[in-house]
All heavy atoms as atom14 arrays in JSON, in Angstrom:
{
  "sequence": "PICESLVILEYIDETWNKGVRFLPEDPLARATARFWAK",
  "atom14_mask": [
    [1, 1, 1, 1, 1, 1, 1, 0, 0, 0, 0, 0, 0, 0],
    [1, 1, 1, 1, 1, 1, 1, 1, 0, 0, 0, 0, 0, 0],
    [1, 1, 1, 1, 1, 1, 0, 0, 0, 0, 0, 0, 0, 0],
    [1, 1, 1, 1, 1, 1, 1, 1, 1, 0, 0, 0, 0, 0],
    [1, 1, 1, 1, 1, 1, 0, 0, 0, 0, 0, 0, 0, 0],
    [1, 1, 1, 1, 1, 1, 1, 1, 0, 0, 0, 0, 0, 0],
    [1, 1, 1, 1, 1, 1, 1, 0, 0, 0, 0, 0, 0, 0],
    [1, 1, 1, 1, 1, 1, 1, 1, 0, 0, 0, 0, 0, 0],
    [1, 1, 1, 1, 1, 1, 1, 1, 0, 0, 0, 0, 0, 0],
    [1, 1, 1, 1, 1, 1, 1, 1, 1, 0, 0, 0, 0, 0],
    [1, 1, 1, 1, 1, 1, 1, 1, 1, 1, 1, 1, 0, 0],
    [1, 1, 1, 1, 1, 1, 1, 1, 0, 0, 0, 0, 0, 0],
    [1, 1, 1, 1, 1, 1, 1, 1, 0, 0, 0, 0, 0, 0],
    [1, 1, 1, 1, 1, 1, 1, 1, 1, 0, 0, 0, 0, 0],
    [1, 1, 1, 1, 1, 1, 1, 0, 0, 0, 0, 0, 0, 0],
    [1, 1, 1, 1, 1, 1, 1, 1, 1, 1, 1, 1, 1, 1],
    [1, 1, 1, 1, 1, 1, 1, 1, 0, 0, 0, 0, 0, 0],
    [1, 1, 1, 1, 1, 1, 1, 1, 1, 0, 0, 0, 0, 0],
    [1, 1, 1, 1, 0, 0, 0, 0, 0, 0, 0, 0, 0, 0],
    [1, 1, 1, 1, 1, 1, 1, 0, 0, 0, 0, 0, 0, 0],
    [1, 1, 1, 1, 1, 1, 1, 1, 1, 1, 1, 0, 0, 0],
    [1, 1, 1, 1, 1, 1, 1, 1, 1, 1, 1, 0, 0, 0],
    [1, 1, 1, 1, 1, 1, 1, 1, 0, 0, 0, 0, 0, 0],
    [1, 1, 1, 1, 1, 1, 1, 0, 0, 0, 0, 0, 0, 0],
    [1, 1, 1, 1, 1, 1, 1, 1, 1, 0, 0, 0, 0, 0],
    [1, 1, 1, 1, 1, 1, 1, 1, 0, 0, 0, 0, 0, 0],
    [1, 1, 1, 1, 1, 1, 1, 0, 0, 0, 0, 0, 0, 0],
    [1, 1, 1, 1, 1, 1, 1, 1, 0, 0, 0, 0, 0, 0],
    [1, 1, 1, 1, 1, 0, 0, 0, 0, 0, 0, 0, 0, 0],
    [1, 1, 1, 1, 1, 1, 1, 1, 1, 1, 1, 0, 0, 0],
    [1, 1, 1, 1, 1, 0, 0, 0, 0, 0, 0, 0, 0, 0],
    [1, 1, 1, 1, 1, 1, 1, 0, 0, 0, 0, 0, 0, 0],
    [1, 1, 1, 1, 1, 0, 0, 0, 0, 0, 0, 0, 0, 0],
    [1, 1, 1, 1, 1, 1, 1, 1, 1, 1, 1, 0, 0, 0],
    [1, 1, 1, 1, 1, 1, 1, 1, 1, 1, 1, 0, 0, 0],
    [1, 1, 1, 1, 1, 1, 1, 1, 1, 1, 1, 1, 1, 1],
    [1, 1, 1, 1, 1, 0, 0, 0, 0, 0, 0, 0, 0, 0],
    [1, 1, 1, 1, 1, 1, 1, 1, 1, 0, 0, 0, 0, 0]
  ],
  "atom14_positions": [
    [[-13.93, -6.32, -8.31], [-13.13, -6.74, -9.47], [-12.16, -5.66, -9.95], [-12.49, -4.47, -9.94], [-14.19, -7.01, -10.54], [-15.32, -6.08, -10.2], [-15.31, -5.96, -8.69], [0.0, 0.0, 0.0], [0.0, 0.0, 0.0], [0.0, 0.0, 0.0], [0.0, 0.0, 0.0], [0.0, 0.0, 0.0], [0.0, 0.0, 0.0], [0.0, 0.0, 0.0]],
    [[-10.97, -6.1, -10.34], [-9.99, -5.23, -11.0], [-9.67, -5.91, -12.32], [-9.31, -7.09, -12.36], [-8.7, -5.05, -10.16], [-9.03, -4.48, -8.78], [-7.73, -4.14, -10.88], [-9.15, -5.53, -7.7], [0.0, 0.0, 0.0], [0.0, 0.0, 0.0], [0.0, 0.0, 0.0], [0.0, 0.0, 0.0], [0.0, 0.0, 0.0], [0.0, 0.0, 0.0]],
    [[-9.8, -5.14, -13.41], [-9.65, -5.7, -14.76], [-8.47, -5.07, -15.49], [-8.0, -4.0, -15.12], [-10.92, -5.48, -15.58], [-12.43, -6.13, -14.8], [0.0, 0.0, 0.0], [0.0, 0.0, 0.0], [0.0, 0.0, 0.0], [0.0, 0.0, 0.0], [0.0, 0.0, 0.0], [0.0, 0.0, 0.0], [0.0, 0.0, 0.0], [0.0, 0.0, 0.0]],
    [[-8.03, -5.73, -16.54], [-6.9, -5.38, -17.39], [-5.59, -5.68, -16.68], [-5.32, -5.16, -15.59], [-6.96, -3.92, -17.85], [-8.21, -3.59, -18.64], [-8.14, -2.21, -19.29], [-7.03, -1.66, -19.4], [-9.19, -1.71, -19.68], [0.0, 0.0, 0.0], [0.0, 0.0, 0.0], [0.0, 0.0, 0.0], [0.0, 0.0, 0.0], [0.0, 0.0, 0.0]],
    [[-4.77, -6.49, -17.31], [-3.6, -7.05, -16.64], [-2.61, -5.97, -16.16], [-2.04, -6.11, -15.06], [-2.89, -8.05, -17.55], [-2.43, -7.44, -18.74], [0.0, 0.0, 0.0], [0.0, 0.0, 0.0], [0.0, 0.0, 0.0], [0.0, 0.0, 0.0], [0.0, 0.0, 0.0], [0.0, 0.0, 0.0], [0.0, 0.0, 0.0], [0.0, 0.0, 0.0]],
    [[-2.39, -4.92, -16.93], [-1.45, -3.89, -16.5], [-1.99, -3.15, -15.27], [-1.23, -2.8, -14.37], [-1.16, -2.9, -17.63], [-0.45, -3.48, -18.85], [-0.21, -2.37, -19.89], [0.86, -4.16, -18.49], [0.0, 0.0, 0.0], [0.0, 0.0, 0.0], [0.0, 0.0, 0.0], [0.0, 0.0, 0.0], [0.0, 0.0, 0.0], [0.0, 0.0, 0.0]],
    [[-3.28, -2.9, -15.27], [-3.91, -2.25, -14.12], [-3.83, -3.16, -12.9], [-3.52, -2.71, -11.79], [-5.39, -1.92, -14.44], [-6.08, -1.34, -13.2], [-5.49, -0.95, -15.59], [0.0, 0.0, 0.0], [0.0, 0.0, 0.0], [0.0, 0.0, 0.0], [0.0, 0.0, 0.0], [0.0, 0.0, 0.0], [0.0, 0.0, 0.0], [0.0, 0.0, 0.0]],
    [[-4.05, -4.45, -13.11], [-3.99, -5.41, -12.0], [-2.58, -5.46, -11.42], [-2.39, -5.51, -10.2], [-4.44, -6.81, -12.47], [-5.91, -6.78, -12.9], [-4.25, -7.83, -11.34], [-6.38, -8.07, -13.58], [0.0, 0.0, 0.0], [0.0, 0.0, 0.0], [0.0, 0.0, 0.0], [0.0, 0.0, 0.0], [0.0, 0.0, 0.0], [0.0, 0.0, 0.0]],
    [[-1.56, -5.47, -12.29], [-0.17, -5.49, -11.81], [0.11, -4.3, -10.88], [0.72, -4.47, -9.82], [0.8, -5.46, -12.99], [1.08, -6.77, -13.72], [2.08, -6.54, -14.84], [1.57, -7.87, -12.77], [0.0, 0.0, 0.0], [0.0, 0.0, 0.0], [0.0, 0.0, 0.0], [0.0, 0.0, 0.0], [0.0, 0.0, 0.0], [0.0, 0.0, 0.0]],
    [[-0.32, -3.14, -11.29], [-0.1, -1.95, -10.45], [-0.87, -2.05, -9.15], [-0.4, -1.65, -8.08], [-0.44, -0.68, -11.22], [0.51, -0.38, -12.38], [0.58, 1.09, -12.71], [0.57, 1.91, -11.76], [0.62, 1.42, -13.9], [0.0, 0.0, 0.0], [0.0, 0.0, 0.0], [0.0, 0.0, 0.0], [0.0, 0.0, 0.0], [0.0, 0.0, 0.0]],
    [[-2.09, -2.56, -9.23], [-2.92, -2.7, -8.04], [-2.24, -3.64, -7.04], [-2.17, -3.35, -5.83], [-4.3, -3.24, -8.41], [-5.21, -3.45, -7.22], [-5.92, -2.37, -6.69], [-5.34, -4.69, -6.62], [-6.75, -2.54, -5.57], [-6.15, -4.88, -5.53], [-6.86, -3.8, -5.01], [-7.68, -3.97, -3.91], [0.0, 0.0, 0.0], [0.0, 0.0, 0.0]],
    [[-1.74, -4.76, -7.52], [-1.05, -5.71, -6.66], [0.18, -5.07, -6.02], [0.45, -5.23, -4.82], [-0.65, -6.97, -7.45], [-1.89, -7.77, -7.86], [0.3, -7.86, -6.65], [-1.61, -8.9, -8.83], [0.0, 0.0, 0.0], [0.0, 0.0, 0.0], [0.0, 0.0, 0.0], [0.0, 0.0, 0.0], [0.0, 0.0, 0.0], [0.0, 0.0, 0.0]],
    [[0.93, -4.33, -6.82], [2.15, -3.7, -6.34], [1.87, -2.68, -5.24], [2.61, -2.57, -4.26], [2.88, -3.02, -7.5], [4.34, -2.73, -7.2], [4.94, -3.48, -6.39], [4.88, -1.77, -7.76], [0.0, 0.0, 0.0], [0.0, 0.0, 0.0], [0.0, 0.0, 0.0], [0.0, 0.0, 0.0], [0.0, 0.0, 0.0], [0.0, 0.0, 0.0]],
    [[0.76, -1.95, -5.37], [0.44, -0.91, -4.41], [-0.3, -1.45, -3.19], [-0.18, -0.91, -2.08], [-0.39, 0.19, -5.09], [0.39, 0.95, -6.15], [-0.48, 1.88, -6.96], [-1.69, 1.99, -6.65], [0.04, 2.52, -7.89], [0.0, 0.0, 0.0], [0.0, 0.0, 0.0], [0.0, 0.0, 0.0], [0.0, 0.0, 0.0], [0.0, 0.0, 0.0]],
    [[-1.05, -2.53, -3.37], [-1.83, -3.08, -2.27], [-0.98, -3.93, -1.34], [-1.07, -3.83, -0.11], [-3.01, -3.94, -2.81], [-3.83, -3.12, -3.65], [-3.86, -4.49, -1.67], [0.0, 0.0, 0.0], [0.0, 0.0, 0.0], [0.0, 0.0, 0.0], [0.0, 0.0, 0.0], [0.0, 0.0, 0.0], [0.0, 0.0, 0.0], [0.0, 0.0, 0.0]],
    [[-0.11, -4.75, -1.93], [0.79, -5.58, -1.14], [2.2, -5.01, -1.36], [3.01, -5.54, -2.14], [0.72, -7.03, -1.6], [-0.63, -7.64, -1.27], [-1.02, -8.16, -0.07], [-1.75, -7.77, -2.14], [-2.3, -8.61, -0.14], [-2.8, -8.39, -1.39], [-2.0, -7.43, -3.48], [-4.04, -8.67, -1.94], [-3.24, -7.69, -4.02], [-4.26, -8.32, -3.26]],
    [[2.47, -3.87, -0.7], [3.65, -3.06, -1.03], [4.87, -3.34, -0.18], [5.83, -2.58, -0.2], [3.3, -1.58, -1.0], [2.78, -1.14, 0.37], [2.85, -1.89, 1.33], [2.27, 0.08, 0.43], [0.0, 0.0, 0.0], [0.0, 0.0, 0.0], [0.0, 0.0, 0.0], [0.0, 0.0, 0.0], [0.0, 0.0, 0.0], [0.0, 0.0, 0.0]],
    [[4.86, -4.42, 0.59], [6.04, -4.76, 1.38], [6.9, -5.74, 0.59], [6.4, -6.57, -0.16], [5.62, -5.38, 2.73], [4.92, -4.39, 3.66], [4.58, -5.04, 4.98], [3.88, -4.05, 5.9], [3.52, -4.66, 7.22], [0.0, 0.0, 0.0], [0.0, 0.0, 0.0], [0.0, 0.0, 0.0], [0.0, 0.0, 0.0], [0.0, 0.0, 0.0]],
    [[8.18, -5.67, 0.79], [9.09, -6.6, 0.13], [9.35, -6.16, -1.31], [9.58, -5.0, -1.62], [0.0, 0.0, 0.0], [0.0, 0.0, 0.0], [0.0, 0.0, 0.0], [0.0, 0.0, 0.0], [0.0, 0.0, 0.0], [0.0, 0.0, 0.0], [0.0, 0.0, 0.0], [0.0, 0.0, 0.0], [0.0, 0.0, 0.0], [0.0, 0.0, 0.0]],
    [[9.29, -7.14, -2.24], [9.6, -6.87, -3.65], [8.62, -5.84, -4.21], [7.41, -5.92, -3.99], [9.56, -8.17, -4.46], [8.2, -8.85, -4.38], [9.95, -7.92, -5.91], [0.0, 0.0, 0.0], [0.0, 0.0, 0.0], [0.0, 0.0, 0.0], [0.0, 0.0, 0.0], [0.0, 0.0, 0.0], [0.0, 0.0, 0.0], [0.0, 0.0, 0.0]],
    [[9.16, -4.85, -4.92], [8.33, -3.85, -5.6], [8.54, -3.98, -7.1], [9.64, -4.2, -7.58], [8.69, -2.43, -5.16], [8.37, -2.12, -3.71], [6.89, -2.31, -3.37], [6.02, -1.52, -4.21], [5.57, -0.29, -3.9], [5.96, 0.28, -2.76], [4.75, 0.35, -4.71], [0.0, 0.0, 0.0], [0.0, 0.0, 0.0], [0.0, 0.0, 0.0]],
    [[7.47, -3.82, -7.85], [7.53, -3.98, -9.31], [7.87, -2.67, -10.02], [8.74, -2.63, -10.87], [6.2, -4.53, -9.83], [5.79, -5.84, -9.21], [4.47, -6.12, -9.01], [6.74, -6.78, -8.85], [4.07, -7.34, -8.45], [6.37, -7.99, -8.28], [5.02, -8.27, -8.08], [0.0, 0.0, 0.0], [0.0, 0.0, 0.0], [0.0, 0.0, 0.0]],
    [[7.16, -1.62, -9.67], [7.39, -0.32, -10.32], [8.42, 0.48, -9.53], [8.42, 0.46, -8.3], [6.1, 0.46, -10.43], [5.21, 0.09, -11.63], [3.79, 0.61, -11.42], [5.78, 0.62, -12.93], [0.0, 0.0, 0.0], [0.0, 0.0, 0.0], [0.0, 0.0, 0.0], [0.0, 0.0, 0.0], [0.0, 0.0, 0.0], [0.0, 0.0, 0.0]],
    [[9.28, 1.24, -10.23], [10.26, 2.06, -9.52], [9.6, 3.25, -8.83], [8.48, 3.64, -9.17], [11.18, 2.54, -10.66], [10.35, 2.46, -11.89], [9.41, 1.32, -11.68], [0.0, 0.0, 0.0], [0.0, 0.0, 0.0], [0.0, 0.0, 0.0], [0.0, 0.0, 0.0], [0.0, 0.0, 0.0], [0.0, 0.0, 0.0], [0.0, 0.0, 0.0]],
    [[10.28, 3.82, -7.85], [9.76, 4.97, -7.11], [9.87, 6.25, -7.92], [9.01, 7.13, -7.82], [10.52, 5.13, -5.8], [10.3, 3.99, -4.8], [8.87, 3.93, -4.3], [8.21, 4.98, -4.26], [8.42, 2.83, -3.93], [0.0, 0.0, 0.0], [0.0, 0.0, 0.0], [0.0, 0.0, 0.0], [0.0, 0.0, 0.0], [0.0, 0.0, 0.0]],
    [[10.91, 6.37, -8.73], [11.14, 7.6, -9.5], [10.02, 7.82, -10.51], [9.7, 6.91, -11.3], [12.47, 7.51, -10.22], [12.74, 8.72, -11.1], [12.96, 9.8, -10.55], [12.69, 8.57, -12.34], [0.0, 0.0, 0.0], [0.0, 0.0, 0.0], [0.0, 0.0, 0.0], [0.0, 0.0, 0.0], [0.0, 0.0, 0.0], [0.0, 0.0, 0.0]],
    [[9.39, 9.0, -10.54], [8.25, 9.24, -11.44], [8.6, 9.06, -12.92], [7.79, 8.53, -13.67], [7.87, 10.7, -11.14], [8.35, 10.94, -9.76], [9.61, 10.14, -9.63], [0.0, 0.0, 0.0], [0.0, 0.0, 0.0], [0.0, 0.0, 0.0], [0.0, 0.0, 0.0], [0.0, 0.0, 0.0], [0.0, 0.0, 0.0], [0.0, 0.0, 0.0]],
    [[9.79, 9.5, -13.32], [10.19, 9.36, -14.71], [10.37, 7.88, -15.08], [9.93, 7.43, -16.14], [11.48, 10.13, -14.99], [12.02, 10.02, -16.43], [10.99, 10.48, -17.44], [13.31, 10.82, -16.57], [0.0, 0.0, 0.0], [0.0, 0.0, 0.0], [0.0, 0.0, 0.0], [0.0, 0.0, 0.0], [0.0, 0.0, 0.0], [0.0, 0.0, 0.0]],
    [[11.01, 7.15, -14.2], [11.2, 5.71, -14.43], [9.86, 4.97, -14.48], [9.67, 4.06, -15.29], [12.1, 5.12, -13.34], [0.0, 0.0, 0.0], [0.0, 0.0, 0.0], [0.0, 0.0, 0.0], [0.0, 0.0, 0.0], [0.0, 0.0, 0.0], [0.0, 0.0, 0.0], [0.0, 0.0, 0.0], [0.0, 0.0, 0.0], [0.0, 0.0, 0.0]],
    [[8.91, 5.38, -13.64], [7.59, 4.76, -13.65], [6.87, 5.07, -14.97], [6.25, 4.18, -15.57], [6.75, 5.29, -12.48], [7.21, 4.8, -11.13], [6.52, 5.54, -10.0], [5.13, 5.13, -9.84], [4.74, 4.14, -9.05], [5.64, 3.45, -8.35], [3.47, 3.82, -8.94], [0.0, 0.0, 0.0], [0.0, 0.0, 0.0], [0.0, 0.0, 0.0]],
    [[6.96, 6.3, -15.41], [6.33, 6.69, -16.68], [6.95, 5.92, -17.84], [6.24, 5.47, -18.74], [6.47, 8.19, -16.9], [0.0, 0.0, 0.0], [0.0, 0.0, 0.0], [0.0, 0.0, 0.0], [0.0, 0.0, 0.0], [0.0, 0.0, 0.0], [0.0, 0.0, 0.0], [0.0, 0.0, 0.0], [0.0, 0.0, 0.0], [0.0, 0.0, 0.0]],
    [[8.25, 5.76, -17.81], [8.95, 5.02, -18.87], [8.51, 3.57, -18.88], [8.28, 2.97, -19.95], [10.47, 5.11, -18.67], [10.87, 6.48, -18.71], [11.22, 4.35, -19.76], [0.0, 0.0, 0.0], [0.0, 0.0, 0.0], [0.0, 0.0, 0.0], [0.0, 0.0, 0.0], [0.0, 0.0, 0.0], [0.0, 0.0, 0.0], [0.0, 0.0, 0.0]],
    [[8.39, 2.97, -17.7], [7.94, 1.58, -17.61], [6.54, 1.44, -18.16], [6.24, 0.47, -18.89], [8.0, 1.11, -16.16], [0.0, 0.0, 0.0], [0.0, 0.0, 0.0], [0.0, 0.0, 0.0], [0.0, 0.0, 0.0], [0.0, 0.0, 0.0], [0.0, 0.0, 0.0], [0.0, 0.0, 0.0], [0.0, 0.0, 0.0], [0.0, 0.0, 0.0]],
    [[5.66, 2.36, -17.85], [4.28, 2.3, -18.35], [4.26, 2.45, -19.87], [3.45, 1.81, -20.55], [3.44, 3.4, -17.69], [3.16, 3.15, -16.22], [2.3, 4.26, -15.65], [1.95, 4.0, -14.25], [2.25, 4.8, -13.24], [2.89, 5.95, -13.48], [1.89, 4.51, -12.02], [0.0, 0.0, 0.0], [0.0, 0.0, 0.0], [0.0, 0.0, 0.0]],
    [[5.11, 3.29, -20.41], [5.18, 3.47, -21.87], [5.54, 2.16, -22.55], [4.89, 1.74, -23.52], [6.22, 4.55, -22.21], [6.52, 4.62, -23.69], [5.74, 5.36, -24.53], [7.61, 3.9, -24.22], [6.01, 5.4, -25.91], [7.88, 3.94, -25.59], [7.08, 4.7, -26.43], [0.0, 0.0, 0.0], [0.0, 0.0, 0.0], [0.0, 0.0, 0.0]],
    [[6.61, 1.5, -22.05], [7.05, 0.27, -22.7], [6.05, -0.87, -22.48], [5.91, -1.74, -23.36], [8.44, -0.11, -22.19], [9.51, 0.71, -22.83], [10.14, 1.79, -22.29], [10.05, 0.54, -24.14], [11.04, 2.32, -23.2], [11.01, 1.57, -24.34], [9.83, -0.37, -25.17], [11.73, 1.7, -25.52], [10.54, -0.24, -26.36], [11.48, 0.77, -26.51]],
    [[5.37, -0.85, -21.36], [4.34, -1.86, -21.13], [3.2, -1.71, -22.15], [2.72, -2.7, -22.71], [3.79, -1.75, -19.71], [0.0, 0.0, 0.0], [0.0, 0.0, 0.0], [0.0, 0.0, 0.0], [0.0, 0.0, 0.0], [0.0, 0.0, 0.0], [0.0, 0.0, 0.0], [0.0, 0.0, 0.0], [0.0, 0.0, 0.0], [0.0, 0.0, 0.0]],
    [[2.81, -0.49, -22.39], [1.76, -0.22, -23.37], [2.25, -0.62, -24.78], [1.5, -1.17, -25.58], [1.38, 1.25, -23.34], [0.18, 1.6, -24.22], [-0.21, 3.07, -24.04], [-1.42, 3.4, -24.9], [-1.82, 4.82, -24.77], [0.0, 0.0, 0.0], [0.0, 0.0, 0.0], [0.0, 0.0, 0.0], [0.0, 0.0, 0.0], [0.0, 0.0, 0.0]]
  ]
}
């Protein structure tokens, strides 16, 4: 089991990582996205 929707979104993005990507590659952009999601 993977719980909490934001955690699940990241898990899906990293597990099925071909094609469309949800989180940006740039570390600052990823951190910014996580901030606004929270």
